[in-house]
Amino acid sequence: DTSCAGCAGDGAILPGVWILFIALWIITIGATITT
């Protein structure tokens, strides 16, 4: 939605970002346990 100029900075995290964040946390925790 490019019609909302201030929407990018409203603090809302998009679903794709959450998914990537969760995947990286899974890797971090699993890699630490593996080490």
PDB file of all heavy atoms in Angstrom:
ATOM      1  N   ASP A   1       0.841  -1.192   0.000  1.00  0.00           N
ATOM      2  CA  ASP A   1       0.000   0.000   0.000  1.00  0.00           C
ATOM      3  C   ASP A   1       0.876   1.242   0.000  1.00  0.00           C
ATOM      4  O   ASP A   1       1.387   1.660   1.024  1.00  0.00           O
ATOM      5  CB  ASP A   1      -0.919  -0.010   1.226  1.00  0.00           C
ATOM      6  CG  ASP A   1      -1.897   1.151   1.211  1.00  0.00           C
ATOM      7  OD1 ASP A   1      -2.019   1.808   0.156  1.00  0.00           O
ATOM      8  OD2 ASP A   1      -2.530   1.385   2.251  1.00  0.00           O
ATOM      9  N   THR A   2       1.087   1.833  -1.175  1.00  0.00           N
ATOM     10  CA  THR A   2       1.928   3.024  -1.277  1.00  0.00           C
ATOM     11  C   THR A   2       1.139   4.301  -1.032  1.00  0.00           C
ATOM     12  O   THR A   2       1.716   5.370  -0.973  1.00  0.00           O
ATOM     13  CB  THR A   2       2.576   3.098  -2.674  1.00  0.00           C
ATOM     14  OG1 THR A   2       1.551   3.072  -3.665  1.00  0.00           O
ATOM     15  CG2 THR A   2       3.535   1.945  -2.886  1.00  0.00           C
ATOM     16  N   SER A   3      -0.173   4.194  -0.862  1.00  0.00           N
ATOM     17  CA  SER A   3      -0.977   5.393  -0.626  1.00  0.00           C
ATOM     18  C   SER A   3      -0.796   5.917   0.797  1.00  0.00           C
ATOM     19  O   SER A   3      -1.099   7.063   1.081  1.00  0.00           O
ATOM     20  CB  SER A   3      -2.461   5.093  -0.885  1.00  0.00           C
ATOM     21  OG  SER A   3      -2.911   4.132   0.051  1.00  0.00           O
ATOM     22  N   CYS A   4      -0.312   5.088   1.687  1.00  0.00           N
ATOM     23  CA  CYS A   4      -0.121   5.484   3.077  1.00  0.00           C
ATOM     24  C   CYS A   4       1.353   5.814   3.273  1.00  0.00           C
ATOM     25  O   CYS A   4       2.168   4.922   3.471  1.00  0.00           O
ATOM     26  CB  CYS A   4      -0.568   4.364   4.005  1.00  0.00           C
ATOM     27  SG  CYS A   4      -0.360   4.770   5.743  1.00  0.00           S
ATOM     28  N   ALA A   5       1.694   7.082   3.225  1.00  0.00           N
ATOM     29  CA  ALA A   5       3.098   7.493   3.286  1.00  0.00           C
ATOM     30  C   ALA A   5       3.740   7.158   4.626  1.00  0.00           C
ATOM     31  O   ALA A   5       4.908   6.807   4.690  1.00  0.00           O
ATOM     32  CB  ALA A   5       3.203   8.987   3.017  1.00  0.00           C
ATOM     33  N   GLY A   6       3.010   7.246   5.729  1.00  0.00           N
ATOM     34  CA  GLY A   6       3.576   7.013   7.050  1.00  0.00           C
ATOM     35  C   GLY A   6       3.439   5.588   7.538  1.00  0.00           C
ATOM     36  O   GLY A   6       3.849   5.284   8.659  1.00  0.00           O
ATOM     37  N   CYS A   7       2.872   4.680   6.736  1.00  0.00           N
ATOM     38  CA  CYS A   7       2.613   3.318   7.205  1.00  0.00           C
ATOM     39  C   CYS A   7       3.884   2.503   7.411  1.00  0.00           C
ATOM     40  O   CYS A   7       3.912   1.628   8.254  1.00  0.00           O
ATOM     41  CB  CYS A   7       1.716   2.577   6.217  1.00  0.00           C
ATOM     42  SG  CYS A   7       0.023   3.185   6.219  1.00  0.00           S
ATOM     43  N   ALA A   8       4.928   2.795   6.670  1.00  0.00           N
ATOM     44  CA  ALA A   8       6.144   1.995   6.779  1.00  0.00           C
ATOM     45  C   ALA A   8       6.790   2.142   8.148  1.00  0.00           C
ATOM     46  O   ALA A   8       7.449   1.236   8.618  1.00  0.00           O
ATOM     47  CB  ALA A   8       7.130   2.377   5.689  1.00  0.00           C
ATOM     48  N   GLY A   9       6.584   3.240   8.800  1.00  0.00           N
ATOM     49  CA  GLY A   9       7.212   3.447  10.087  1.00  0.00           C
ATOM     50  C   GLY A   9       6.256   3.342  11.258  1.00  0.00           C
ATOM     51  O   GLY A   9       6.558   3.821  12.334  1.00  0.00           O
ATOM     52  N   ASP A  10       5.118   2.704  11.079  1.00  0.00           N
ATOM     53  CA  ASP A  10       4.136   2.651  12.165  1.00  0.00           C
ATOM     54  C   ASP A  10       4.414   1.552  13.186  1.00  0.00           C
ATOM     55  O   ASP A  10       3.645   1.368  14.117  1.00  0.00           O
ATOM     56  CB  ASP A  10       2.716   2.529  11.615  1.00  0.00           C
ATOM     57  CG  ASP A  10       2.451   1.202  10.915  1.00  0.00           C
ATOM     58  OD1 ASP A  10       3.391   0.410  10.782  1.00  0.00           O
ATOM     59  OD2 ASP A  10       1.303   0.974  10.503  1.00  0.00           O
ATOM     60  N   GLY A  11       5.488   0.815  13.041  1.00  0.00           N
ATOM     61  CA  GLY A  11       5.853  -0.191  14.026  1.00  0.00           C
ATOM     62  C   GLY A  11       5.260  -1.562  13.777  1.00  0.00           C
ATOM     63  O   GLY A  11       5.573  -2.496  14.500  1.00  0.00           O
ATOM     64  N   ALA A  12       4.400  -1.719  12.785  1.00  0.00           N
ATOM     65  CA  ALA A  12       3.802  -3.021  12.495  1.00  0.00           C
ATOM     66  C   ALA A  12       4.822  -3.897  11.771  1.00  0.00           C
ATOM     67  O   ALA A  12       5.465  -3.468  10.830  1.00  0.00           O
ATOM     68  CB  ALA A  12       2.561  -2.857  11.640  1.00  0.00           C
ATOM     69  N   ILE A  13       4.969  -5.128  12.248  1.00  0.00           N
ATOM     70  CA  ILE A  13       5.889  -6.065  11.612  1.00  0.00           C
ATOM     71  C   ILE A  13       5.071  -6.985  10.723  1.00  0.00           C
ATOM     72  O   ILE A  13       4.090  -7.580  11.156  1.00  0.00           O
ATOM     73  CB  ILE A  13       6.674  -6.857  12.663  1.00  0.00           C
ATOM     74  CG1 ILE A  13       7.496  -5.891  13.517  1.00  0.00           C
ATOM     75  CG2 ILE A  13       7.575  -7.880  12.007  1.00  0.00           C
ATOM     76  CD1 ILE A  13       8.248  -6.542  14.640  1.00  0.00           C
ATOM     77  N   LEU A  14       5.488  -7.091   9.483  1.00  0.00           N
ATOM     78  CA  LEU A  14       4.755  -7.877   8.497  1.00  0.00           C
ATOM     79  C   LEU A  14       4.950  -9.378   8.731  1.00  0.00           C
ATOM     80  O   LEU A  14       5.959  -9.797   9.313  1.00  0.00           O
ATOM     81  CB  LEU A  14       5.208  -7.490   7.105  1.00  0.00           C
ATOM     82  CG  LEU A  14       4.951  -6.018   6.764  1.00  0.00           C
ATOM     83  CD1 LEU A  14       5.646  -5.658   5.481  1.00  0.00           C
ATOM     84  CD2 LEU A  14       3.460  -5.762   6.658  1.00  0.00           C
ATOM     85  N   PRO A  15       3.993 -10.195   8.270  1.00  0.00           N
ATOM     86  CA  PRO A  15       4.075 -11.650   8.510  1.00  0.00           C
ATOM     87  C   PRO A  15       5.348 -12.285   7.972  1.00  0.00           C
ATOM     88  O   PRO A  15       5.916 -13.169   8.621  1.00  0.00           O
ATOM     89  CB  PRO A  15       2.846 -12.202   7.780  1.00  0.00           C
ATOM     90  CG  PRO A  15       1.904 -11.056   7.667  1.00  0.00           C
ATOM     91  CD  PRO A  15       2.750  -9.823   7.601  1.00  0.00           C
ATOM     92  N   GLY A  16       5.807 -11.862   6.809  1.00  0.00           N
ATOM     93  CA  GLY A  16       7.029 -12.437   6.245  1.00  0.00           C
ATOM     94  C   GLY A  16       8.245 -12.187   7.106  1.00  0.00           C
ATOM     95  O   GLY A  16       9.125 -13.038   7.247  1.00  0.00           O
ATOM     96  N   VAL A  17       8.286 -11.008   7.709  1.00  0.00           N
ATOM     97  CA  VAL A  17       9.401 -10.685   8.594  1.00  0.00           C
ATOM     98  C   VAL A  17       9.349 -11.564   9.845  1.00  0.00           C
ATOM     99  O   VAL A  17      10.378 -12.057  10.312  1.00  0.00           O
ATOM    100  CB  VAL A  17       9.385  -9.183   8.970  1.00  0.00           C
ATOM    101  CG1 VAL A  17      10.461  -8.867   9.986  1.00  0.00           C
ATOM    102  CG2 VAL A  17       9.548  -8.330   7.726  1.00  0.00           C
ATOM    103  N   TRP A  18       8.151 -11.774  10.392  1.00  0.00           N
ATOM    104  CA  TRP A  18       7.991 -12.651  11.552  1.00  0.00           C
ATOM    105  C   TRP A  18       8.443 -14.066  11.228  1.00  0.00           C
ATOM    106  O   TRP A  18       9.103 -14.723  12.033  1.00  0.00           O
ATOM    107  CB  TRP A  18       6.537 -12.676  12.029  1.00  0.00           C
ATOM    108  CG  TRP A  18       6.194 -11.578  12.968  1.00  0.00           C
ATOM    109  CD1 TRP A  18       5.352 -10.542  12.739  1.00  0.00           C
ATOM    110  CD2 TRP A  18       6.701 -11.379  14.286  1.00  0.00           C
ATOM    111  NE1 TRP A  18       5.291  -9.719  13.829  1.00  0.00           N
ATOM    112  CE2 TRP A  18       6.118 -10.212  14.805  1.00  0.00           C
ATOM    113  CE3 TRP A  18       7.597 -12.080  15.088  1.00  0.00           C
ATOM    114  CZ2 TRP A  18       6.401  -9.726  16.074  1.00  0.00           C
ATOM    115  CZ3 TRP A  18       7.876 -11.596  16.358  1.00  0.00           C
ATOM    116  CH2 TRP A  18       7.279 -10.437  16.832  1.00  0.00           C
ATOM    117  N   ILE A  19       8.080 -14.563  10.056  1.00  0.00           N
ATOM    118  CA  ILE A  19       8.458 -15.922   9.662  1.00  0.00           C
ATOM    119  C   ILE A  19       9.974 -16.055   9.593  1.00  0.00           C
ATOM    120  O   ILE A  19      10.560 -17.017  10.100  1.00  0.00           O
ATOM    121  CB  ILE A  19       7.788 -16.300   8.321  1.00  0.00           C
ATOM    122  CG1 ILE A  19       6.287 -16.452   8.529  1.00  0.00           C
ATOM    123  CG2 ILE A  19       8.408 -17.573   7.743  1.00  0.00           C
ATOM    124  CD1 ILE A  19       5.498 -16.587   7.250  1.00  0.00           C
ATOM    125  N   LEU A  20      10.626 -15.084   8.982  1.00  0.00           N
ATOM    126  CA  LEU A  20      12.081 -15.123   8.875  1.00  0.00           C
ATOM    127  C   LEU A  20      12.727 -14.992  10.255  1.00  0.00           C
ATOM    128  O   LEU A  20      13.702 -15.677  10.571  1.00  0.00           O
ATOM    129  CB  LEU A  20      12.574 -14.018   7.946  1.00  0.00           C
ATOM    130  CG  LEU A  20      14.034 -14.072   7.546  1.00  0.00           C
ATOM    131  CD1 LEU A  20      14.382 -15.415   6.917  1.00  0.00           C
ATOM    132  CD2 LEU A  20      14.351 -12.940   6.587  1.00  0.00           C
ATOM    133  N   PHE A  21      12.177 -14.143  11.104  1.00  0.00           N
ATOM    134  CA  PHE A  21      12.667 -13.967  12.463  1.00  0.00           C
ATOM    135  C   PHE A  21      12.580 -15.282  13.244  1.00  0.00           C
ATOM    136  O   PHE A  21      13.531 -15.685  13.919  1.00  0.00           O
ATOM    137  CB  PHE A  21      11.836 -12.874  13.145  1.00  0.00           C
ATOM    138  CG  PHE A  21      12.258 -12.554  14.543  1.00  0.00           C
ATOM    139  CD1 PHE A  21      13.424 -11.840  14.782  1.00  0.00           C
ATOM    140  CD2 PHE A  21      11.496 -12.964  15.623  1.00  0.00           C
ATOM    141  CE1 PHE A  21      13.816 -11.532  16.077  1.00  0.00           C
ATOM    142  CE2 PHE A  21      11.866 -12.663  16.917  1.00  0.00           C
ATOM    143  CZ  PHE A  21      13.040 -11.948  17.140  1.00  0.00           C
ATOM    144  N   ILE A  22      11.465 -15.973  13.128  1.00  0.00           N
ATOM    145  CA  ILE A  22      11.277 -17.256  13.821  1.00  0.00           C
ATOM    146  C   ILE A  22      12.249 -18.309  13.289  1.00  0.00           C
ATOM    147  O   ILE A  22      12.848 -19.064  14.056  1.00  0.00           O
ATOM    148  CB  ILE A  22       9.806 -17.725  13.703  1.00  0.00           C
ATOM    149  CG1 ILE A  22       8.911 -16.796  14.529  1.00  0.00           C
ATOM    150  CG2 ILE A  22       9.647 -19.176  14.144  1.00  0.00           C
ATOM    151  CD1 ILE A  22       7.432 -16.976  14.281  1.00  0.00           C
ATOM    152  N   ALA A  23      12.447 -18.349  11.952  1.00  0.00           N
ATOM    153  CA  ALA A  23      13.382 -19.317  11.367  1.00  0.00           C
ATOM    154  C   ALA A  23      14.804 -19.071  11.879  1.00  0.00           C
ATOM    155  O   ALA A  23      15.522 -20.023  12.216  1.00  0.00           O
ATOM    156  CB  ALA A  23      13.345 -19.225   9.842  1.00  0.00           C
ATOM    157  N   LEU A  24      15.203 -17.822  11.965  1.00  0.00           N
ATOM    158  CA  LEU A  24      16.549 -17.509  12.453  1.00  0.00           C
ATOM    159  C   LEU A  24      16.706 -17.850  13.935  1.00  0.00           C
ATOM    160  O   LEU A  24      17.772 -18.304  14.360  1.00  0.00           O
ATOM    161  CB  LEU A  24      16.877 -16.048  12.187  1.00  0.00           C
ATOM    162  CG  LEU A  24      17.060 -15.692  10.707  1.00  0.00           C
ATOM    163  CD1 LEU A  24      17.250 -14.191  10.540  1.00  0.00           C
ATOM    164  CD2 LEU A  24      18.220 -16.456  10.094  1.00  0.00           C
ATOM    165  N   TRP A  25      15.649 -17.662  14.723  1.00  0.00           N
ATOM    166  CA  TRP A  25      15.720 -18.032  16.134  1.00  0.00           C
ATOM    167  C   TRP A  25      15.800 -19.546  16.297  1.00  0.00           C
ATOM    168  O   TRP A  25      16.502 -20.046  17.171  1.00  0.00           O
ATOM    169  CB  TRP A  25      14.534 -17.460  16.921  1.00  0.00           C
ATOM    170  CG  TRP A  25      14.885 -16.145  17.515  1.00  0.00           C
ATOM    171  CD1 TRP A  25      14.466 -14.928  17.110  1.00  0.00           C
ATOM    172  CD2 TRP A  25      15.770 -15.899  18.611  1.00  0.00           C
ATOM    173  NE1 TRP A  25      15.023 -13.940  17.878  1.00  0.00           N
ATOM    174  CE2 TRP A  25      15.835 -14.515  18.819  1.00  0.00           C
ATOM    175  CE3 TRP A  25      16.516 -16.715  19.436  1.00  0.00           C
ATOM    176  CZ2 TRP A  25      16.617 -13.930  19.805  1.00  0.00           C
ATOM    177  CZ3 TRP A  25      17.299 -16.123  20.433  1.00  0.00           C
ATOM    178  CH2 TRP A  25      17.334 -14.754  20.601  1.00  0.00           C
ATOM    179  N   ILE A  26      15.086 -20.282  15.470  1.00  0.00           N
ATOM    180  CA  ILE A  26      15.162 -21.752  15.514  1.00  0.00           C
ATOM    181  C   ILE A  26      16.590 -22.202  15.207  1.00  0.00           C
ATOM    182  O   ILE A  26      17.147 -23.079  15.876  1.00  0.00           O
ATOM    183  CB  ILE A  26      14.148 -22.391  14.552  1.00  0.00           C
ATOM    184  CG1 ILE A  26      12.724 -22.169  15.062  1.00  0.00           C
ATOM    185  CG2 ILE A  26      14.429 -23.877  14.355  1.00  0.00           C
ATOM    186  CD1 ILE A  26      11.654 -22.544  14.069  1.00  0.00           C
ATOM    187  N   ILE A  27      17.193 -21.581  14.195  1.00  0.00           N
ATOM    188  CA  ILE A  27      18.574 -21.919  13.844  1.00  0.00           C
ATOM    189  C   ILE A  27      19.513 -21.566  14.987  1.00  0.00           C
ATOM    190  O   ILE A  27      20.406 -22.341  15.337  1.00  0.00           O
ATOM    191  CB  ILE A  27      18.986 -21.209  12.540  1.00  0.00           C
ATOM    192  CG1 ILE A  27      18.224 -21.811  11.359  1.00  0.00           C
ATOM    193  CG2 ILE A  27      20.491 -21.307  12.309  1.00  0.00           C
ATOM    194  CD1 ILE A  27      18.384 -21.044  10.063  1.00  0.00           C
ATOM    195  N   THR A  28      19.321 -20.408  15.590  1.00  0.00           N
ATOM    196  CA  THR A  28      20.194 -19.979  16.688  1.00  0.00           C
ATOM    197  C   THR A  28      20.127 -20.946  17.869  1.00  0.00           C
ATOM    198  O   THR A  28      21.162 -21.384  18.388  1.00  0.00           O
ATOM    199  CB  THR A  28      19.802 -18.561  17.164  1.00  0.00           C
ATOM    200  OG1 THR A  28      19.923 -17.663  16.061  1.00  0.00           O
ATOM    201  CG2 THR A  28      20.670 -18.103  18.304  1.00  0.00           C
ATOM    202  N   ILE A  29      18.937 -21.281  18.285  1.00  0.00           N
ATOM    203  CA  ILE A  29      18.772 -22.181  19.431  1.00  0.00           C
ATOM    204  C   ILE A  29      19.280 -23.586  19.097  1.00  0.00           C
ATOM    205  O   ILE A  29      20.017 -24.198  19.866  1.00  0.00           O
ATOM    206  CB  ILE A  29      17.303 -22.198  19.885  1.00  0.00           C
ATOM    207  CG1 ILE A  29      16.923 -20.826  20.459  1.00  0.00           C
ATOM    208  CG2 ILE A  29      17.054 -23.308  20.908  1.00  0.00           C
ATOM    209  CD1 ILE A  29      15.443 -20.623  20.655  1.00  0.00           C
ATOM    210  N   GLY A  30      18.907 -24.088  17.928  1.00  0.00           N
ATOM    211  CA  GLY A  30      19.347 -25.429  17.526  1.00  0.00           C
ATOM    212  C   GLY A  30      20.850 -25.524  17.335  1.00  0.00           C
ATOM    213  O   GLY A  30      21.474 -26.520  17.715  1.00  0.00           O
ATOM    214  N   ALA A  31      21.455 -24.492  16.761  1.00  0.00           N
ATOM    215  CA  ALA A  31      22.906 -24.502  16.559  1.00  0.00           C
ATOM    216  C   ALA A  31      23.642 -24.432  17.887  1.00  0.00           C
ATOM    217  O   ALA A  31      24.683 -25.079  18.063  1.00  0.00           O
ATOM    218  CB  ALA A  31      23.313 -23.343  15.657  1.00  0.00           C
ATOM    219  N   THR A  32      23.121 -23.676  18.831  1.00  0.00           N
ATOM    220  CA  THR A  32      23.742 -23.608  20.155  1.00  0.00           C
ATOM    221  C   THR A  32      23.675 -24.963  20.846  1.00  0.00           C
ATOM    222  O   THR A  32      24.676 -25.430  21.419  1.00  0.00           O
ATOM    223  CB  THR A  32      23.050 -22.530  21.015  1.00  0.00           C
ATOM    224  OG1 THR A  32      23.153 -21.272  20.344  1.00  0.00           O
ATOM    225  CG2 THR A  32      23.674 -22.440  22.392  1.00  0.00           C
ATOM    226  N   ILE A  33      22.533 -25.616  20.769  1.00  0.00           N
ATOM    227  CA  ILE A  33      22.387 -26.951  21.366  1.00  0.00           C
ATOM    228  C   ILE A  33      23.327 -27.937  20.677  1.00  0.00           C
ATOM    229  O   ILE A  33      23.980 -28.754  21.331  1.00  0.00           O
ATOM    230  CB  ILE A  33      20.923 -27.417  21.297  1.00  0.00           C
ATOM    231  CG1 ILE A  33      20.050 -26.559  22.215  1.00  0.00           C
ATOM    232  CG2 ILE A  33      20.802 -28.903  21.656  1.00  0.00           C
ATOM    233  CD1 ILE A  33      18.565 -26.763  22.034  1.00  0.00           C
ATOM    234  N   THR A  34      23.430 -27.860  19.351  1.00  0.00           N
ATOM    235  CA  THR A  34      24.310 -28.754  18.600  1.00  0.00           C
ATOM    236  C   THR A  34      25.763 -28.543  18.998  1.00  0.00           C
ATOM    237  O   THR A  34      26.515 -29.514  19.158  1.00  0.00           O
ATOM    238  CB  THR A  34      24.131 -28.539  17.086  1.00  0.00           C
ATOM    239  OG1 THR A  34      22.779 -28.815  16.751  1.00  0.00           O
ATOM    240  CG2 THR A  34      25.045 -29.439  16.281  1.00  0.00           C
ATOM    241  N   THR A  35      26.175 -27.293  19.150  1.00  0.00           N
ATOM    242  CA  THR A  35      27.549 -27.006  19.561  1.00  0.00           C
ATOM    243  C   THR A  35      27.837 -27.628  20.921  1.00  0.00           C
ATOM    244  O   THR A  35      28.871 -28.276  21.120  1.00  0.00           O
ATOM    245  CB  THR A  35      27.795 -25.487  19.611  1.00  0.00           C
ATOM    246  OG1 THR A  35      27.565 -24.934  18.310  1.00  0.00           O
ATOM    247  CG2 THR A  35      29.201 -25.167  20.054  1.00  0.00           C
TER     248      THR A  35
END
